[in-house]
Amino acid sequence: MGGIKIIAKNKRASYDYALQDQYEAGIVLQGTEVKTLRGAKCSMNEAYCTIDKNNEAWIHNMTIPHYEFGTYANHNETRKRKLLLHMEEITQIQKALATKGQTLIPTKIYFKGSYIKVEIYLGKGKKLHDKREASAKKDIERKLRQGKYD
């Protein structure tokens, strides 16, 4: 298998959520979507994941723009796409989602060899004071690395 080539990241995920358990999922795509992703065009800013009553995982609001050389068979940009996970992983996620405040957040989409994978995390939403605290901590660490606090 080849290396990992990141297509897109959800940069706000770690700011808005306290990320806990990580899962790697495959994704069901159409041909024109794959061609667009090869050009590294994708947006995950508004994306979220759900598990339906049929025990299937889905990603919603992930925007993959139309393939520029596509024809009438081009895909819908924001359609929901099926995620491929093992049944044990889906049951673990369902148990965690049953607890209050847990959500399933996609953080990254990337090529792993010739396969396209989505990295998803179980997370809990941060409150405003948690975000401020994390931001202040990050600023201090940055200044320490730069040697401004001696």
C-alpha atoms as a PDB file:
ATOM      1  CA  MET A   1       0.000   0.000   0.000  1.00  0.00           C
ATOM      2  CA  GLY A   2       1.104   3.523  -0.726  1.00  0.00           C
ATOM      3  CA  GLY A   3       1.320   6.490   1.573  1.00  0.00           C
ATOM      4  CA  ILE A   4      -1.336   8.859   2.801  1.00  0.00           C
ATOM      5  CA  LYS A   5      -2.261  11.969   0.783  1.00  0.00           C
ATOM      6  CA  ILE A   6      -4.637  14.312   2.618  1.00  0.00           C
ATOM      7  CA  ILE A   7      -7.400  15.764   0.454  1.00  0.00           C
ATOM      8  CA  ALA A   8      -9.236  17.938   3.007  1.00  0.00           C
ATOM      9  CA  LYS A   9      -9.406  18.574   6.749  1.00  0.00           C
ATOM     10  CA  ASN A  10     -12.122  19.848   9.054  1.00  0.00           C
ATOM     11  CA  LYS A  11     -10.022  22.403  10.934  1.00  0.00           C
ATOM     12  CA  ARG A  12     -12.833  23.531  13.237  1.00  0.00           C
ATOM     13  CA  ALA A  13     -13.469  20.032  14.583  1.00  0.00           C
ATOM     14  CA  SER A  14     -10.761  20.084  17.252  1.00  0.00           C
ATOM     15  CA  TYR A  15     -11.735  23.650  18.201  1.00  0.00           C
ATOM     16  CA  ASP A  16     -15.463  22.967  18.561  1.00  0.00           C
ATOM     17  CA  TYR A  17     -15.289  19.422  19.982  1.00  0.00           C
ATOM     18  CA  ALA A  18     -13.304  17.451  22.536  1.00  0.00           C
ATOM     19  CA  LEU A  19     -12.299  14.555  20.268  1.00  0.00           C
ATOM     20  CA  GLN A  20     -12.132  11.087  21.841  1.00  0.00           C
ATOM     21  CA  ASP A  21     -12.333   7.838  19.838  1.00  0.00           C
ATOM     22  CA  GLN A  22     -10.982   7.684  16.280  1.00  0.00           C
ATOM     23  CA  TYR A  23     -12.304   5.502  13.454  1.00  0.00           C
ATOM     24  CA  GLU A  24     -11.209   5.078   9.839  1.00  0.00           C
ATOM     25  CA  ALA A  25     -13.992   4.471   7.348  1.00  0.00           C
ATOM     26  CA  GLY A  26     -14.165   3.810   3.651  1.00  0.00           C
ATOM     27  CA  ILE A  27     -16.630   5.851   1.619  1.00  0.00           C
ATOM     28  CA  VAL A  28     -18.947   4.958  -1.263  1.00  0.00           C
ATOM     29  CA  LEU A  29     -18.413   7.410  -4.138  1.00  0.00           C
ATOM     30  CA  GLN A  30     -19.404   7.875  -7.755  1.00  0.00           C
ATOM     31  CA  GLY A  31     -16.811   8.077 -10.533  1.00  0.00           C
ATOM     32  CA  THR A  32     -16.929  11.839 -11.009  1.00  0.00           C
ATOM     33  CA  GLU A  33     -16.528  12.336  -7.237  1.00  0.00           C
ATOM     34  CA  VAL A  34     -13.298  10.330  -7.253  1.00  0.00           C
ATOM     35  CA  LYS A  35     -11.965  12.397 -10.170  1.00  0.00           C
ATOM     36  CA  THR A  36     -12.755  15.624  -8.304  1.00  0.00           C
ATOM     37  CA  LEU A  37     -11.083  14.323  -5.129  1.00  0.00           C
ATOM     38  CA  ARG A  38      -7.943  13.464  -7.095  1.00  0.00           C
ATOM     39  CA  GLY A  39      -7.737  17.199  -7.785  1.00  0.00           C
ATOM     40  CA  ALA A  40      -7.914  17.802  -3.983  1.00  0.00           C
ATOM     41  CA  LYS A  41     -11.235  19.642  -4.162  1.00  0.00           C
ATOM     42  CA  CYS A  42     -13.492  19.015  -1.187  1.00  0.00           C
ATOM     43  CA  SER A  43     -15.014  20.887   1.754  1.00  0.00           C
ATOM     44  CA  MET A  44     -15.776  19.297   5.125  1.00  0.00           C
ATOM     45  CA  ASN A  45     -16.652  22.451   7.085  1.00  0.00           C
ATOM     46  CA  GLU A  46     -20.357  21.664   7.505  1.00  0.00           C
ATOM     47  CA  ALA A  47     -20.046  17.862   7.431  1.00  0.00           C
ATOM     48  CA  TYR A  48     -21.440  15.543  10.086  1.00  0.00           C
ATOM     49  CA  CYS A  49     -22.056  11.794  10.408  1.00  0.00           C
ATOM     50  CA  THR A  50     -25.082   9.763  11.459  1.00  0.00           C
ATOM     51  CA  ILE A  51     -26.024   6.119  11.910  1.00  0.00           C
ATOM     52  CA  ASP A  52     -29.505   5.206  10.697  1.00  0.00           C
ATOM     53  CA  LYS A  53     -31.953   2.542  11.856  1.00  0.00           C
ATOM     54  CA  ASN A  54     -30.456   0.026   9.380  1.00  0.00           C
ATOM     55  CA  ASN A  55     -27.075   0.257  11.168  1.00  0.00           C
ATOM     56  CA  GLU A  56     -25.488   2.121   8.278  1.00  0.00           C
ATOM     57  CA  ALA A  57     -23.150   5.102   8.745  1.00  0.00           C
ATOM     58  CA  TRP A  58     -23.654   8.168   6.539  1.00  0.00           C
ATOM     59  CA  ILE A  59     -21.794  11.429   6.040  1.00  0.00           C
ATOM     60  CA  HIS A  60     -23.913  14.502   5.314  1.00  0.00           C
ATOM     61  CA  ASN A  61     -23.072  17.969   3.903  1.00  0.00           C
ATOM     62  CA  MET A  62     -19.587  17.076   2.702  1.00  0.00           C
ATOM     63  CA  THR A  63     -19.240  19.166  -0.454  1.00  0.00           C
ATOM     64  CA  ILE A  64     -17.469  17.629  -3.427  1.00  0.00           C
ATOM     65  CA  PRO A  65     -17.762  20.097  -6.335  1.00  0.00           C
ATOM     66  CA  HIS A  66     -18.869  18.993  -9.802  1.00  0.00           C
ATOM     67  CA  TYR A  67     -16.186  17.427 -11.965  1.00  0.00           C
ATOM     68  CA  GLU A  68     -15.261  20.180 -14.415  1.00  0.00           C
ATOM     69  CA  PHE A  69     -15.115  17.821 -17.424  1.00  0.00           C
ATOM     70  CA  GLY A  70     -18.259  15.938 -16.354  1.00  0.00           C
ATOM     71  CA  THR A  71     -21.375  15.553 -18.439  1.00  0.00           C
ATOM     72  CA  TYR A  72     -25.046  15.119 -17.585  1.00  0.00           C
ATOM     73  CA  ALA A  73     -23.981  12.205 -15.337  1.00  0.00           C
ATOM     74  CA  ASN A  74     -22.222  14.532 -12.868  1.00  0.00           C
ATOM     75  CA  HIS A  75     -22.905  13.928  -9.166  1.00  0.00           C
ATOM     76  CA  ASN A  76     -24.924  15.971  -6.656  1.00  0.00           C
ATOM     77  CA  GLU A  77     -22.424  18.097  -4.678  1.00  0.00           C
ATOM     78  CA  THR A  78     -23.798  17.687  -1.143  1.00  0.00           C
ATOM     79  CA  ARG A  79     -25.528  14.319  -1.312  1.00  0.00           C
ATOM     80  CA  LYS A  80     -25.253  12.011   1.671  1.00  0.00           C
ATOM     81  CA  ARG A  81     -22.607   9.330   1.209  1.00  0.00           C
ATOM     82  CA  LYS A  82     -22.377   5.935   2.833  1.00  0.00           C
ATOM     83  CA  LEU A  83     -19.444   5.185   5.137  1.00  0.00           C
ATOM     84  CA  LEU A  84     -18.006   1.686   5.284  1.00  0.00           C
ATOM     85  CA  LEU A  85     -17.340   0.477   8.839  1.00  0.00           C
ATOM     86  CA  HIS A  86     -17.228  -2.923  10.526  1.00  0.00           C
ATOM     87  CA  MET A  87     -20.376  -3.921  12.411  1.00  0.00           C
ATOM     88  CA  GLU A  88     -18.472  -3.973  15.736  1.00  0.00           C
ATOM     89  CA  GLU A  89     -17.374  -0.375  15.157  1.00  0.00           C
ATOM     90  CA  ILE A  90     -20.932   0.691  14.350  1.00  0.00           C
ATOM     91  CA  THR A  91     -22.270  -0.880  17.564  1.00  0.00           C
ATOM     92  CA  GLN A  92     -19.502   0.825  19.589  1.00  0.00           C
ATOM     93  CA  ILE A  93     -20.401   4.157  18.002  1.00  0.00           C
ATOM     94  CA  GLN A  94     -24.130   3.640  18.605  1.00  0.00           C
ATOM     95  CA  LYS A  95     -23.516   2.931  22.301  1.00  0.00           C
ATOM     96  CA  ALA A  96     -21.385   6.059  22.598  1.00  0.00           C
ATOM     97  CA  LEU A  97     -23.929   8.200  20.732  1.00  0.00           C
ATOM     98  CA  ALA A  98     -26.636   7.027  23.132  1.00  0.00           C
ATOM     99  CA  THR A  99     -24.847   8.933  25.909  1.00  0.00           C
ATOM    100  CA  LYS A 100     -25.710  12.597  26.138  1.00  0.00           C
ATOM    101  CA  GLY A 101     -23.685  15.100  24.157  1.00  0.00           C
ATOM    102  CA  GLN A 102     -21.722  12.687  21.947  1.00  0.00           C
ATOM    103  CA  THR A 103     -21.516  13.377  18.217  1.00  0.00           C
ATOM    104  CA  LEU A 104     -19.757  11.795  15.255  1.00  0.00           C
ATOM    105  CA  ILE A 105     -17.465  14.263  13.478  1.00  0.00           C
ATOM    106  CA  PRO A 106     -15.526  13.732  10.228  1.00  0.00           C
ATOM    107  CA  THR A 107     -12.109  15.351  10.536  1.00  0.00           C
ATOM    108  CA  LYS A 108     -10.176  14.342   7.437  1.00  0.00           C
ATOM    109  CA  ILE A 109     -10.580  12.746   4.008  1.00  0.00           C
ATOM    110  CA  TYR A 110      -7.488  11.241   2.397  1.00  0.00           C
ATOM    111  CA  PHE A 111      -6.071   8.720  -0.049  1.00  0.00           C
ATOM    112  CA  LYS A 112      -4.563   5.639   1.587  1.00  0.00           C
ATOM    113  CA  GLY A 113      -2.893   3.928  -1.309  1.00  0.00           C
ATOM    114  CA  SER A 114      -5.585   3.877  -3.991  1.00  0.00           C
ATOM    115  CA  TYR A 115      -8.462   3.915  -1.475  1.00  0.00           C
ATOM    116  CA  ILE A 116     -10.251   7.007  -0.212  1.00  0.00           C
ATOM    117  CA  LYS A 117     -10.736   6.994   3.556  1.00  0.00           C
ATOM    118  CA  VAL A 118     -12.526   9.277   6.006  1.00  0.00           C
ATOM    119  CA  GLU A 119     -11.242   9.796   9.542  1.00  0.00           C
ATOM    120  CA  ILE A 120     -14.108  10.221  12.001  1.00  0.00           C
ATOM    121  CA  TYR A 121     -14.054  10.925  15.718  1.00  0.00           C
ATOM    122  CA  LEU A 122     -16.518  10.611  18.539  1.00  0.00           C
ATOM    123  CA  GLY A 123     -16.572  13.954  20.262  1.00  0.00           C
ATOM    124  CA  LYS A 124     -18.326  16.064  22.822  1.00  0.00           C
ATOM    125  CA  GLY A 125     -19.124  19.720  22.108  1.00  0.00           C
ATOM    126  CA  LYS A 126     -16.982  22.263  23.917  1.00  0.00           C
ATOM    127  CA  LYS A 127     -18.458  25.165  25.841  1.00  0.00           C
ATOM    128  CA  LEU A 128     -17.231  28.715  25.177  1.00  0.00           C
ATOM    129  CA  HIS A 129     -15.006  28.795  28.266  1.00  0.00           C
ATOM    130  CA  ASP A 130     -13.373  25.493  27.197  1.00  0.00           C
ATOM    131  CA  LYS A 131     -12.556  27.001  23.794  1.00  0.00           C
ATOM    132  CA  ARG A 132     -10.997  30.081  25.422  1.00  0.00           C
ATOM    133  CA  GLU A 133      -8.958  27.887  27.765  1.00  0.00           C
ATOM    134  CA  ALA A 134      -7.675  25.729  24.889  1.00  0.00           C
ATOM    135  CA  SER A 135      -6.790  28.840  22.858  1.00  0.00           C
ATOM    136  CA  ALA A 136      -4.845  30.380  25.774  1.00  0.00           C
ATOM    137  CA  LYS A 137      -2.975  27.111  26.345  1.00  0.00           C
ATOM    138  CA  LYS A 138      -2.043  26.932  22.647  1.00  0.00           C
ATOM    139  CA  ASP A 139      -0.734  30.530  22.746  1.00  0.00           C
ATOM    140  CA  ILE A 140       1.477  29.759  25.759  1.00  0.00           C
ATOM    141  CA  GLU A 141       2.886  26.620  24.112  1.00  0.00           C
ATOM    142  CA  ARG A 142       3.654  28.568  20.922  1.00  0.00           C
ATOM    143  CA  LYS A 143       5.509  31.275  22.880  1.00  0.00           C
ATOM    144  CA  LEU A 144       7.482  28.636  24.797  1.00  0.00           C
ATOM    145  CA  ARG A 145       8.598  27.025  21.527  1.00  0.00           C
ATOM    146  CA  GLN A 146       9.668  30.424  20.182  1.00  0.00           C
ATOM    147  CA  GLY A 147      11.646  31.088  23.371  1.00  0.00           C
ATOM    148  CA  LYS A 148       9.711  34.207  24.397  1.00  0.00           C
ATOM    149  CA  TYR A 149       9.155  32.869  27.933  1.00  0.00           C
ATOM    150  CA  ASP A 150      12.543  32.148  29.445  1.00  0.00           C
END
